[in-house]
């Protein structure tokens, strides 16, 4: 009877916590758009989806794909102060704030999760967010945001799809900014176990 109860308890644990070799991570992001153009008069409607990868890594040769563990509640958010500052600035409008737990994919796979799976339901916003682990940890995103009323000064008509395609090396507890004159993302990555508040 005790063995059966122990077995049932083990089955109830998230799969990632049973394997120390596959650590889990918490990822939190805020997607925001600008109220006005933040740069010059460049024509952003011609923006391509070319990626910007920071940091050289060699392929691990592994095809390991990250697994979505669970969504995290607002009580676990660590970027709420940033969201409040964005709202009060008048220059930016937060459009989504979500957090989730996952394992990482192997470096170079670009295997991620669609924004809808992460809990983002913003009209015109689509794409994926991916976490990869090679020698270092990288967080990347390939997002497209079709804004019905683009900020004045961007030389873009209504419904123009802006792209943000960037990947960068990240360190635990450091806020990362992925920017574009039309919209941007602030992200935070922490270990799923032993997590502590950001900036401490």
Protein backbone atom coordinates (compact mmCIF):
# COMPACT_ATOMS: atom_id res chain seq x y z
CA UNK A 1 0.00 0.00 0.00
CA UNK A 2 2.81 2.44 0.91
CA UNK A 3 4.63 1.62 -2.32
CA UNK A 4 1.49 2.32 -4.36
CA UNK A 5 1.01 5.70 -2.61
CA UNK A 6 4.66 6.59 -3.27
CA UNK A 7 4.25 5.64 -6.94
CA UNK A 8 1.10 7.80 -7.26
CA UNK A 9 2.92 10.72 -5.63
CA UNK A 10 5.79 10.38 -8.11
CA UNK A 11 3.36 10.34 -11.03
CA UNK A 12 1.87 13.61 -9.82
CA UNK A 13 5.24 15.39 -10.00
CA UNK A 14 6.04 17.42 -13.13
CA UNK A 15 8.24 15.34 -15.43
CA UNK A 16 11.09 17.89 -15.42
CA UNK A 17 11.52 17.74 -11.64
CA UNK A 18 12.27 14.01 -11.81
CA UNK A 19 15.31 14.49 -14.05
CA UNK A 20 18.04 16.77 -12.73
CA UNK A 21 19.73 16.68 -16.14
CA UNK A 22 16.72 18.49 -17.66
CA UNK A 23 16.25 21.63 -15.59
CA UNK A 24 13.13 23.75 -15.76
CA UNK A 25 13.05 27.50 -16.30
CA UNK A 26 10.57 30.27 -15.59
CA UNK A 27 10.16 32.80 -18.38
CA UNK A 28 8.23 36.04 -17.99
CA UNK A 29 7.60 38.52 -20.77
CA UNK A 30 5.84 41.84 -21.23
CA UNK A 31 4.91 42.78 -24.79
CA UNK A 32 4.35 46.50 -25.28
CA UNK A 33 3.75 48.90 -28.14
CA UNK A 34 4.82 52.48 -28.57
CA UNK A 35 2.33 55.35 -28.62
CA UNK A 36 4.60 57.29 -30.96
CA UNK A 37 7.60 56.68 -33.18
CA UNK A 38 10.75 56.17 -31.11
CA UNK A 39 13.20 56.60 -33.99
CA UNK A 40 13.59 58.38 -37.31
CA UNK A 41 11.38 58.27 -40.36
CA UNK A 42 12.46 54.87 -41.59
CA UNK A 43 9.90 52.82 -43.52
CA UNK A 44 9.27 49.97 -41.09
CA UNK A 45 6.70 48.33 -43.35
CA UNK A 46 9.68 46.91 -45.28
CA UNK A 47 11.20 45.36 -42.17
CA UNK A 48 12.34 41.81 -42.88
CA UNK A 49 12.34 38.83 -40.58
CA UNK A 50 16.12 38.55 -40.49
CA UNK A 51 17.23 37.33 -37.10
CA UNK A 52 19.75 38.87 -34.78
CA UNK A 53 21.59 36.23 -32.83
CA UNK A 54 24.05 37.37 -30.23
CA UNK A 55 26.80 34.99 -29.19
CA UNK A 56 28.41 32.21 -31.17
CA UNK A 57 27.57 28.63 -30.37
CA UNK A 58 28.14 25.40 -32.19
CA UNK A 59 25.27 23.05 -32.75
CA UNK A 60 24.93 20.53 -29.97
CA UNK A 61 23.90 17.81 -32.39
CA UNK A 62 20.92 17.13 -30.18
CA UNK A 63 17.34 17.45 -31.32
CA UNK A 64 16.01 17.92 -27.79
CA UNK A 65 12.86 20.00 -27.87
CA UNK A 66 11.72 22.01 -24.87
CA UNK A 67 8.54 21.01 -23.08
CA UNK A 68 5.90 23.41 -21.81
CA UNK A 69 5.35 22.69 -18.12
CA UNK A 70 2.72 25.16 -16.99
CA UNK A 71 1.50 28.74 -17.05
CA UNK A 72 2.45 30.82 -14.01
CA UNK A 73 -0.07 32.98 -12.17
CA UNK A 74 0.13 36.74 -11.79
CA UNK A 75 1.16 36.19 -8.15
CA UNK A 76 4.47 34.81 -9.49
CA UNK A 77 5.21 37.77 -11.79
CA UNK A 78 8.49 39.57 -11.13
CA UNK A 79 8.12 42.33 -13.73
CA UNK A 80 4.94 43.97 -12.43
CA UNK A 81 6.88 47.13 -11.47
CA UNK A 82 8.11 47.43 -15.06
CA UNK A 83 4.58 47.04 -16.40
CA UNK A 84 3.40 49.82 -14.07
CA UNK A 85 6.20 52.12 -15.26
CA UNK A 86 5.35 51.43 -18.90
CA UNK A 87 1.68 52.28 -18.24
CA UNK A 88 2.49 55.49 -16.38
CA UNK A 89 5.05 56.68 -18.95
CA UNK A 90 2.41 57.57 -21.51
CA UNK A 91 4.88 56.57 -24.23
CA UNK A 92 4.17 52.82 -24.11
CA UNK A 93 1.16 50.55 -23.77
CA UNK A 94 1.62 47.04 -22.32
CA UNK A 95 -0.44 44.64 -24.45
CA UNK A 96 0.47 41.31 -22.80
CA UNK A 97 2.13 40.11 -19.60
CA UNK A 98 2.58 36.35 -19.15
CA UNK A 99 4.89 33.85 -17.45
CA UNK A 100 5.36 30.12 -17.81
CA UNK A 101 7.64 27.21 -16.91
CA UNK A 102 9.40 25.06 -19.52
CA UNK A 103 12.50 23.05 -20.29
CA UNK A 104 14.97 24.29 -22.92
CA UNK A 105 15.41 23.08 -26.47
CA UNK A 106 18.83 22.19 -27.85
CA UNK A 107 20.85 25.05 -29.33
CA UNK A 108 20.03 25.76 -32.96
CA UNK A 109 16.63 24.06 -33.06
CA UNK A 110 14.57 27.29 -32.78
CA UNK A 111 11.86 25.05 -31.29
CA UNK A 112 9.50 27.19 -29.27
CA UNK A 113 5.89 27.81 -28.39
CA UNK A 114 3.31 29.95 -30.18
CA UNK A 115 2.27 33.02 -28.24
CA UNK A 116 -1.27 31.65 -27.94
CA UNK A 117 0.01 28.62 -26.00
CA UNK A 118 1.80 31.01 -23.65
CA UNK A 119 -1.48 32.75 -22.85
CA UNK A 120 -1.18 35.75 -25.18
CA UNK A 121 -4.40 36.62 -26.98
CA UNK A 122 -3.72 39.99 -28.62
CA UNK A 123 -5.33 40.76 -32.00
CA UNK A 124 -2.65 40.95 -34.69
CA UNK A 125 0.15 39.46 -32.55
CA UNK A 126 1.52 36.07 -33.59
CA UNK A 127 4.78 34.15 -33.57
CA UNK A 128 6.87 32.01 -31.25
CA UNK A 129 9.16 32.35 -28.24
CA UNK A 130 11.95 29.82 -27.78
CA UNK A 131 14.50 28.99 -25.10
CA UNK A 132 17.65 27.14 -26.19
CA UNK A 133 20.54 25.75 -24.24
CA UNK A 134 23.98 25.16 -25.72
CA UNK A 135 27.06 26.26 -23.89
CA UNK A 136 24.91 29.20 -22.79
CA UNK A 137 21.20 29.87 -22.39
CA UNK A 138 19.51 31.85 -25.18
CA UNK A 139 16.01 33.32 -25.36
CA UNK A 140 14.70 34.15 -28.80
CA UNK A 141 11.50 35.26 -30.40
CA UNK A 142 10.08 35.57 -33.89
CA UNK A 143 7.04 37.82 -33.53
CA UNK A 144 4.79 39.63 -35.96
CA UNK A 145 2.46 42.39 -34.80
CA UNK A 146 -0.10 43.87 -37.17
CA UNK A 147 -1.11 47.15 -35.54
CA UNK A 148 -4.40 48.70 -36.66
CA UNK A 149 -3.15 52.22 -35.87
CA UNK A 150 0.66 52.32 -36.09
CA UNK A 151 2.41 55.11 -34.16
CA UNK A 152 2.67 58.37 -36.09
CA UNK A 153 6.09 58.85 -37.66
CA UNK A 154 6.69 55.22 -38.61
CA UNK A 155 5.61 55.77 -42.24
CA UNK A 156 3.38 52.71 -42.05
CA UNK A 157 -0.29 52.36 -42.90
CA UNK A 158 -3.03 50.74 -40.82
CA UNK A 159 -2.59 46.99 -40.48
CA UNK A 160 1.14 47.03 -41.25
CA UNK A 161 2.79 43.89 -39.86
CA UNK A 162 5.94 44.72 -37.91
CA UNK A 163 8.43 41.94 -37.16
CA UNK A 164 10.71 41.34 -34.22
CA UNK A 165 13.08 38.43 -34.80
CA UNK A 166 15.88 38.30 -32.26
CA UNK A 167 17.73 35.85 -30.11
CA UNK A 168 20.22 36.63 -27.42
CA UNK A 169 22.21 35.07 -24.63
CA UNK A 170 20.47 35.52 -21.29
CA UNK A 171 21.55 35.29 -17.68
CA UNK A 172 19.31 34.45 -14.75
CA UNK A 173 17.53 37.39 -13.09
CA UNK A 174 18.67 39.92 -15.72
CA UNK A 175 16.00 41.86 -17.60
CA UNK A 176 16.39 41.63 -21.36
CA UNK A 177 14.98 44.12 -23.87
CA UNK A 178 13.98 43.13 -27.39
CA UNK A 179 13.13 46.32 -29.18
CA UNK A 180 11.67 47.69 -32.35
CA UNK A 181 10.29 51.20 -32.93
CA UNK A 182 6.71 49.87 -33.11
CA UNK A 183 6.70 47.30 -30.30
CA UNK A 184 9.03 45.49 -27.94
CA UNK A 185 9.42 42.80 -25.31
CA UNK A 186 10.94 42.79 -21.83
CA UNK A 187 11.89 39.30 -20.67
CA UNK A 188 13.19 37.63 -17.53
CA UNK A 189 14.48 34.06 -17.21
CA UNK A 190 14.94 32.37 -13.83
CA UNK A 191 15.55 28.79 -12.72
CA UNK A 192 12.31 26.98 -11.90
CA UNK A 193 13.77 25.64 -8.68
CA UNK A 194 15.26 28.00 -6.14
CA UNK A 195 13.90 31.06 -7.92
CA UNK A 196 14.34 34.40 -6.15
CA UNK A 197 12.96 37.87 -6.85
CA UNK A 198 14.59 39.73 -9.75
CA UNK A 199 17.43 42.08 -8.89
CA UNK A 200 18.36 40.28 -5.68
